[in-house]
Amino acid sequence: MSGLLRTIASRAAPVLRGHTVIQRASLYSNPPKGKVGPMETVIGLSMFSLAILGPSGWILAHLEEYKKKE
């Protein structure tokens, strides 16, 4: 009986799963053409941190104004 169930399951499983998408990554990379300087790194990191922390800092700074109901 278990052999019959295995046969049915092995034939039914691909049908039940449908067509699955096979992902194949083809990554090719080369060394960078130019080096990133320390000043560019500082500017980039500061812009990312400002974009992430800026809105939350604004909300926390004005929290008392948001609490007031007029």
Protein backbone atom coordinates (compact mmCIF):
# COMPACT_ATOMS: atom_id res chain seq x y z
CA MET A 1 0.00 0.00 0.00
CA SER A 2 2.82 2.43 0.83
CA GLY A 3 4.40 1.77 -2.56
CA LEU A 4 1.17 2.74 -4.27
CA LEU A 5 0.92 5.95 -2.23
CA ARG A 6 4.52 6.85 -3.10
CA THR A 7 3.81 6.33 -6.79
CA ILE A 8 0.69 8.47 -6.68
CA ALA A 9 2.42 11.17 -4.63
CA SER A 10 5.45 11.29 -6.93
CA ARG A 11 3.20 11.76 -9.96
CA ALA A 12 0.73 14.16 -8.32
CA ALA A 13 3.24 16.43 -6.57
CA PRO A 14 4.56 18.20 -9.71
CA VAL A 15 1.01 18.72 -10.96
CA LEU A 16 -0.12 20.20 -7.64
CA ARG A 17 2.89 22.51 -7.43
CA GLY A 18 2.27 23.93 -10.87
CA HIS A 19 5.00 25.46 -12.93
CA THR A 20 7.73 26.67 -10.66
CA VAL A 21 10.10 29.41 -11.72
CA ILE A 22 13.70 28.34 -11.75
CA GLN A 23 15.96 31.21 -10.81
CA ARG A 24 19.51 31.16 -12.01
CA ALA A 25 21.85 33.93 -11.10
CA SER A 26 24.43 34.93 -13.62
CA LEU A 27 26.63 37.43 -11.90
CA TYR A 28 29.74 38.74 -13.51
CA SER A 29 31.76 41.39 -11.80
CA ASN A 30 34.99 43.20 -12.39
CA PRO A 31 37.17 45.24 -10.10
CA PRO A 32 35.95 48.83 -9.70
CA LYS A 33 37.19 51.32 -12.26
CA GLY A 34 37.88 53.98 -9.65
CA LYS A 35 38.33 53.95 -5.89
CA VAL A 36 35.78 55.62 -3.66
CA GLY A 37 37.44 58.23 -1.49
CA PRO A 38 36.88 58.73 2.22
CA MET A 39 35.01 62.01 1.68
CA GLU A 40 32.56 60.35 -0.73
CA THR A 41 32.03 57.58 1.82
CA VAL A 42 31.31 60.07 4.60
CA ILE A 43 28.86 62.01 2.43
CA GLY A 44 27.08 58.84 1.32
CA LEU A 45 26.74 57.45 4.84
CA SER A 46 25.55 60.77 6.22
CA MET A 47 22.89 61.09 3.51
CA PHE A 48 21.60 57.58 4.19
CA SER A 49 21.48 58.16 7.94
CA LEU A 50 19.75 61.52 7.45
CA ALA A 51 17.17 59.91 5.16
CA ILE A 52 16.46 57.17 7.69
CA LEU A 53 16.77 59.02 11.00
CA GLY A 54 15.58 62.47 9.90
CA PRO A 55 11.82 61.85 9.79
CA SER A 56 11.78 59.94 13.08
CA GLY A 57 13.84 62.69 14.73
CA TRP A 58 11.40 65.31 13.45
CA ILE A 59 8.46 63.40 14.92
CA LEU A 60 10.19 62.94 18.28
CA ALA A 61 11.15 66.62 18.40
CA HIS A 62 7.55 67.71 17.79
CA LEU A 63 5.84 64.99 19.82
CA GLU A 64 4.26 67.43 22.28
CA GLU A 65 2.64 69.33 19.42
CA TYR A 66 1.19 66.11 18.04
CA LYS A 67 -0.27 65.19 21.45
CA LYS A 68 -2.26 68.44 21.72
CA LYS A 69 -5.82 68.27 20.48
CA GLU A 70 -7.33 71.52 19.38
